[in-house]
Amino acid sequence: MDKIARLAGESSDLATLWRDCTEVVSTVVPHYWTPCWFTLDPASLLITSHFFAG
């Protein structure tokens, strides 16, 4: 998980961060397809964006 911490500290757009982190997460978290990423509105917890790195 050191790679995710390093990636989070780099200057990149959100989609690039999610794409790069998918490589790390998909090796340690069981999944059917490629992991999906979401952003949430903190007040309502409604999904405000979705990213699928497939």
N, C-alpha and C. Protein backbone atom coordinates (compact mmCIF):
# COMPACT_ATOMS: atom_id res chain seq x y z
N MET A 1 0.81 -1.19 0.00
CA MET A 1 0.00 0.00 0.00
C MET A 1 0.85 1.26 0.00
N ASP A 2 2.15 1.10 0.08
CA ASP A 2 3.04 2.25 -0.02
C ASP A 2 2.90 2.93 -1.38
N LYS A 3 2.61 2.13 -2.41
CA LYS A 3 2.44 2.69 -3.75
C LYS A 3 1.24 3.63 -3.79
N ILE A 4 0.14 3.28 -3.13
CA ILE A 4 -1.03 4.15 -3.12
C ILE A 4 -0.71 5.45 -2.40
N ALA A 5 0.01 5.39 -1.30
CA ALA A 5 0.41 6.62 -0.60
C ALA A 5 1.28 7.49 -1.49
N ARG A 6 2.19 6.87 -2.22
CA ARG A 6 3.06 7.62 -3.14
C ARG A 6 2.23 8.25 -4.26
N LEU A 7 1.32 7.47 -4.83
CA LEU A 7 0.48 7.99 -5.91
C LEU A 7 -0.39 9.15 -5.44
N ALA A 8 -0.90 9.06 -4.22
CA ALA A 8 -1.75 10.12 -3.68
C ALA A 8 -0.97 11.42 -3.49
N GLY A 9 0.34 11.32 -3.29
CA GLY A 9 1.16 12.50 -3.11
C GLY A 9 1.64 13.14 -4.40
N GLU A 10 1.44 12.44 -5.51
CA GLU A 10 1.86 12.97 -6.81
C GLU A 10 0.81 13.94 -7.35
N SER A 11 1.25 14.80 -8.22
CA SER A 11 0.34 15.75 -8.85
C SER A 11 -0.23 15.13 -10.12
N SER A 12 -1.49 14.66 -10.02
CA SER A 12 -2.16 14.11 -11.19
C SER A 12 -3.65 14.34 -11.05
N ASP A 13 -4.37 14.15 -12.14
CA ASP A 13 -5.81 14.31 -12.08
C ASP A 13 -6.43 13.08 -11.42
N LEU A 14 -7.68 13.19 -11.02
CA LEU A 14 -8.35 12.14 -10.26
C LEU A 14 -8.47 10.84 -11.04
N ALA A 15 -8.80 10.91 -12.31
CA ALA A 15 -8.93 9.70 -13.12
C ALA A 15 -7.61 8.95 -13.22
N THR A 16 -6.51 9.67 -13.34
CA THR A 16 -5.18 9.03 -13.39
C THR A 16 -4.87 8.36 -12.06
N LEU A 17 -5.17 9.03 -10.96
CA LEU A 17 -4.96 8.43 -9.63
C LEU A 17 -5.76 7.14 -9.51
N TRP A 18 -7.04 7.18 -9.86
CA TRP A 18 -7.87 5.98 -9.78
C TRP A 18 -7.34 4.86 -10.67
N ARG A 19 -6.93 5.18 -11.89
CA ARG A 19 -6.41 4.17 -12.81
C ARG A 19 -5.16 3.51 -12.24
N ASP A 20 -4.25 4.32 -11.71
CA ASP A 20 -3.01 3.79 -11.14
C ASP A 20 -3.27 2.99 -9.87
N CYS A 21 -4.19 3.44 -9.03
CA CYS A 21 -4.51 2.72 -7.80
C CYS A 21 -5.24 1.41 -8.08
N THR A 22 -5.98 1.36 -9.18
CA THR A 22 -6.68 0.13 -9.55
C THR A 22 -5.71 -1.03 -9.70
N GLU A 23 -4.54 -0.76 -10.25
CA GLU A 23 -3.52 -1.81 -10.41
C GLU A 23 -3.13 -2.40 -9.07
N VAL A 24 -3.03 -1.58 -8.04
CA VAL A 24 -2.65 -2.04 -6.71
C VAL A 24 -3.82 -2.76 -6.04
N VAL A 25 -4.99 -2.13 -6.04
CA VAL A 25 -6.15 -2.68 -5.35
C VAL A 25 -6.59 -4.01 -5.95
N SER A 26 -6.54 -4.12 -7.26
CA SER A 26 -7.03 -5.34 -7.91
C SER A 26 -6.16 -6.56 -7.60
N THR A 27 -4.95 -6.34 -7.10
CA THR A 27 -4.10 -7.48 -6.75
C THR A 27 -4.34 -7.99 -5.32
N VAL A 28 -5.01 -7.17 -4.48
CA VAL A 28 -5.20 -7.56 -3.08
C VAL A 28 -6.66 -7.69 -2.64
N VAL A 29 -7.59 -7.16 -3.42
CA VAL A 29 -9.01 -7.21 -3.07
C VAL A 29 -9.73 -8.08 -4.10
N PRO A 30 -10.39 -9.16 -3.65
CA PRO A 30 -11.12 -10.00 -4.60
C PRO A 30 -12.22 -9.19 -5.30
N HIS A 31 -12.37 -9.43 -6.60
CA HIS A 31 -13.38 -8.71 -7.37
C HIS A 31 -13.79 -9.54 -8.58
N TYR A 32 -14.96 -9.26 -9.08
CA TYR A 32 -15.48 -9.97 -10.25
C TYR A 32 -14.97 -9.32 -11.53
N TRP A 33 -15.08 -7.99 -11.59
CA TRP A 33 -14.53 -7.20 -12.68
C TRP A 33 -13.55 -6.22 -12.10
N THR A 34 -13.12 -5.29 -12.89
CA THR A 34 -12.20 -4.26 -12.42
C THR A 34 -12.89 -3.40 -11.35
N PRO A 35 -12.16 -3.02 -10.30
CA PRO A 35 -12.77 -2.16 -9.28
C PRO A 35 -13.30 -0.84 -9.86
N CYS A 36 -14.35 -0.33 -9.26
CA CYS A 36 -14.93 0.96 -9.62
C CYS A 36 -14.61 1.97 -8.52
N TRP A 37 -14.53 3.22 -8.89
CA TRP A 37 -14.25 4.30 -7.96
C TRP A 37 -15.39 5.30 -7.99
N PHE A 38 -15.70 5.89 -6.85
CA PHE A 38 -16.79 6.84 -6.72
C PHE A 38 -16.34 8.05 -5.92
N THR A 39 -16.97 9.19 -6.17
CA THR A 39 -16.88 10.31 -5.25
C THR A 39 -18.27 10.51 -4.66
N LEU A 40 -18.30 10.97 -3.43
CA LEU A 40 -19.57 11.17 -2.73
C LEU A 40 -19.71 12.60 -2.26
N ASP A 41 -20.94 13.09 -2.28
CA ASP A 41 -21.25 14.36 -1.65
C ASP A 41 -21.20 14.12 -0.14
N PRO A 42 -20.38 14.84 0.60
CA PRO A 42 -20.23 14.55 2.03
C PRO A 42 -21.50 14.79 2.86
N ALA A 43 -22.35 15.67 2.42
CA ALA A 43 -23.57 15.97 3.19
C ALA A 43 -24.65 14.91 2.99
N SER A 44 -24.86 14.51 1.73
CA SER A 44 -25.96 13.58 1.43
C SER A 44 -25.49 12.15 1.21
N LEU A 45 -24.19 11.98 0.99
CA LEU A 45 -23.58 10.69 0.65
C LEU A 45 -24.09 10.14 -0.69
N LEU A 46 -24.58 11.03 -1.55
CA LEU A 46 -24.98 10.63 -2.89
C LEU A 46 -23.75 10.57 -3.77
N ILE A 47 -23.72 9.63 -4.69
CA ILE A 47 -22.61 9.48 -5.63
C ILE A 47 -22.63 10.67 -6.58
N THR A 48 -21.46 11.32 -6.72
CA THR A 48 -21.36 12.49 -7.62
C THR A 48 -20.54 12.19 -8.85
N SER A 49 -19.76 11.11 -8.85
CA SER A 49 -19.03 10.68 -10.04
C SER A 49 -18.69 9.21 -9.89
N HIS A 50 -18.39 8.59 -11.03
CA HIS A 50 -18.08 7.17 -11.07
C HIS A 50 -16.98 6.97 -12.09
N PHE A 51 -16.03 6.06 -11.77
CA PHE A 51 -14.95 5.75 -12.70
C PHE A 51 -14.74 4.26 -12.74
N PHE A 52 -14.73 3.70 -13.93
CA PHE A 52 -14.48 2.28 -14.15
C PHE A 52 -13.22 2.17 -14.99
N ALA A 53 -12.19 1.55 -14.45
CA ALA A 53 -10.89 1.49 -15.12
C ALA A 53 -10.76 0.24 -15.97
N GLY A 54 -11.84 -0.22 -16.53
CA GLY A 54 -11.81 -1.45 -17.31
C GLY A 54 -11.47 -1.20 -18.68
